[in-house]
N, C-alpha and C. Protein backbone atom coordinates (compact mmCIF):
# COMPACT_ATOMS: atom_id res chain seq x y z
N MET A 1 -236.35 -147.86 -117.02
CA MET A 1 -235.65 -149.02 -117.13
C MET A 1 -234.06 -148.26 -116.61
N ILE A 2 -233.54 -149.06 -115.58
CA ILE A 2 -232.10 -148.59 -114.76
C ILE A 2 -231.00 -149.55 -115.60
N ILE A 3 -229.91 -148.83 -116.08
CA ILE A 3 -229.08 -149.54 -117.02
C ILE A 3 -228.19 -149.51 -116.16
N ARG A 4 -227.40 -150.84 -115.54
CA ARG A 4 -226.34 -151.00 -114.63
C ARG A 4 -224.93 -150.43 -115.61
N LYS A 5 -223.95 -149.67 -114.96
CA LYS A 5 -222.81 -149.68 -115.30
C LYS A 5 -221.82 -150.66 -114.94
N SER A 6 -220.73 -150.90 -115.66
CA SER A 6 -219.67 -151.94 -115.57
C SER A 6 -218.81 -151.57 -114.67
N GLU A 7 -217.93 -152.11 -114.04
CA GLU A 7 -216.83 -151.47 -113.20
C GLU A 7 -215.98 -150.54 -114.06
N ASP A 8 -215.54 -150.91 -115.07
CA ASP A 8 -214.44 -149.84 -116.08
C ASP A 8 -215.82 -148.65 -116.45
N GLU A 9 -216.72 -148.71 -116.69
CA GLU A 9 -217.44 -147.66 -116.70
C GLU A 9 -217.70 -146.63 -115.65
N LEU A 10 -217.82 -147.09 -114.54
CA LEU A 10 -217.60 -146.37 -113.10
C LEU A 10 -216.43 -146.03 -112.86
N ARG A 11 -215.31 -146.93 -113.30
CA ARG A 11 -214.01 -146.24 -113.04
C ARG A 11 -213.50 -144.76 -113.79
N ALA A 12 -214.05 -144.74 -115.00
CA ALA A 12 -214.01 -144.31 -116.10
C ALA A 12 -215.02 -142.71 -115.66
N MET A 13 -215.89 -142.82 -115.52
CA MET A 13 -216.97 -141.92 -114.78
C MET A 13 -216.29 -141.33 -113.38
N ARG A 14 -215.63 -141.80 -112.58
CA ARG A 14 -214.89 -141.48 -111.41
C ARG A 14 -213.65 -140.47 -111.99
N GLU A 15 -213.01 -141.05 -112.74
CA GLU A 15 -211.80 -140.64 -113.13
C GLU A 15 -212.03 -139.14 -113.94
N ALA A 16 -213.29 -139.04 -114.93
CA ALA A 16 -213.89 -137.66 -115.44
C ALA A 16 -214.20 -136.88 -114.20
N GLY A 17 -215.20 -137.44 -113.49
CA GLY A 17 -215.16 -136.24 -112.23
C GLY A 17 -214.24 -135.53 -111.55
N ARG A 18 -213.16 -136.42 -111.17
CA ARG A 18 -211.96 -135.95 -110.52
C ARG A 18 -211.49 -135.04 -111.55
N LEU A 19 -211.12 -135.18 -112.79
CA LEU A 19 -210.31 -133.98 -113.53
C LEU A 19 -211.18 -133.06 -113.71
N THR A 20 -212.49 -133.06 -113.90
CA THR A 20 -213.51 -132.02 -113.80
C THR A 20 -213.12 -130.99 -112.39
N ALA A 21 -213.20 -131.65 -111.25
CA ALA A 21 -213.05 -130.99 -110.24
C ALA A 21 -211.70 -130.28 -109.99
N LEU A 22 -210.65 -131.24 -110.70
CA LEU A 22 -209.35 -130.25 -110.32
C LEU A 22 -209.11 -129.36 -111.49
N THR A 23 -209.65 -129.05 -112.54
CA THR A 23 -210.21 -128.10 -113.65
C THR A 23 -210.56 -127.20 -113.17
N HIS A 24 -211.65 -127.32 -112.37
CA HIS A 24 -212.63 -126.22 -111.69
C HIS A 24 -211.72 -125.32 -110.74
N ALA A 25 -211.23 -126.10 -109.89
CA ALA A 25 -210.09 -125.43 -108.75
C ALA A 25 -209.09 -124.59 -109.52
N VAL A 26 -208.46 -125.54 -110.66
CA VAL A 26 -207.38 -124.38 -111.12
C VAL A 26 -208.00 -123.21 -112.05
N VAL A 27 -209.21 -123.03 -112.50
CA VAL A 27 -209.63 -122.05 -113.11
C VAL A 27 -210.21 -121.14 -111.96
N ALA A 28 -210.86 -121.71 -110.95
CA ALA A 28 -211.30 -120.77 -110.04
C ALA A 28 -210.28 -119.95 -109.30
N ALA A 29 -209.34 -120.68 -109.14
CA ALA A 29 -207.93 -120.05 -108.34
C ALA A 29 -207.40 -118.58 -109.15
N ALA A 30 -207.47 -118.82 -110.72
CA ALA A 30 -207.20 -117.94 -111.56
C ALA A 30 -208.08 -116.69 -111.68
N VAL A 31 -209.32 -116.95 -110.97
CA VAL A 31 -210.12 -115.85 -111.40
C VAL A 31 -210.16 -114.29 -110.65
N ARG A 32 -209.82 -113.71 -111.18
CA ARG A 32 -209.54 -112.01 -110.67
C ARG A 32 -210.15 -111.15 -111.42
N PRO A 33 -210.54 -109.93 -111.15
CA PRO A 33 -210.93 -108.93 -111.83
C PRO A 33 -209.60 -108.56 -112.97
N GLY A 34 -210.69 -108.39 -114.14
CA GLY A 34 -209.92 -107.62 -115.39
C GLY A 34 -209.61 -109.34 -116.21
N ILE A 35 -209.53 -110.40 -115.61
CA ILE A 35 -209.17 -111.71 -116.47
C ILE A 35 -210.71 -111.80 -117.29
N THR A 36 -210.14 -112.36 -118.93
CA THR A 36 -211.38 -112.54 -119.80
C THR A 36 -211.65 -113.92 -119.36
N THR A 37 -212.99 -114.36 -119.71
CA THR A 37 -213.37 -115.54 -119.94
C THR A 37 -212.43 -116.43 -120.92
N ALA A 38 -211.97 -115.74 -122.21
CA ALA A 38 -211.68 -116.39 -122.96
C ALA A 38 -210.10 -116.94 -122.39
N SER A 39 -209.34 -116.14 -121.82
CA SER A 39 -208.25 -116.49 -120.93
C SER A 39 -208.51 -117.61 -120.22
N LEU A 40 -209.65 -117.53 -119.22
CA LEU A 40 -209.96 -118.91 -118.06
C LEU A 40 -210.06 -119.91 -119.33
N ASP A 41 -210.98 -119.98 -120.21
CA ASP A 41 -211.43 -120.89 -121.20
C ASP A 41 -209.83 -121.50 -121.79
N ALA A 42 -208.94 -120.82 -121.98
CA ALA A 42 -207.78 -121.29 -122.51
C ALA A 42 -207.13 -122.18 -121.42
N LEU A 43 -206.94 -121.61 -120.12
CA LEU A 43 -206.16 -122.10 -118.72
C LEU A 43 -207.01 -123.51 -118.86
N ALA A 44 -208.19 -123.56 -118.98
CA ALA A 44 -209.04 -124.84 -118.83
C ALA A 44 -208.61 -125.83 -119.87
N GLU A 45 -208.34 -125.35 -120.90
CA GLU A 45 -208.21 -126.27 -122.15
C GLU A 45 -206.46 -126.68 -121.94
N GLU A 46 -205.58 -125.82 -121.42
CA GLU A 46 -204.38 -126.22 -121.25
C GLU A 46 -203.83 -127.67 -119.76
N PHE A 47 -205.09 -126.98 -119.03
CA PHE A 47 -205.02 -128.06 -117.90
C PHE A 47 -205.43 -129.33 -118.33
C-alpha cells in the first residue's frame, strides 16, 4: 500500500535532505590523513 505524504511532510523531507547534503559536504571537506572519525563526528554534530 502506498501512503501519500502531505505537502508539509514533503517539505520536511526536502529540508532534511538538504541539511544532510550540507553536512556531508562539510565533513567531506574536513577529511584528511590523520583526522579521527571522532573529530569528524564532532564536526557533523556541531554543524
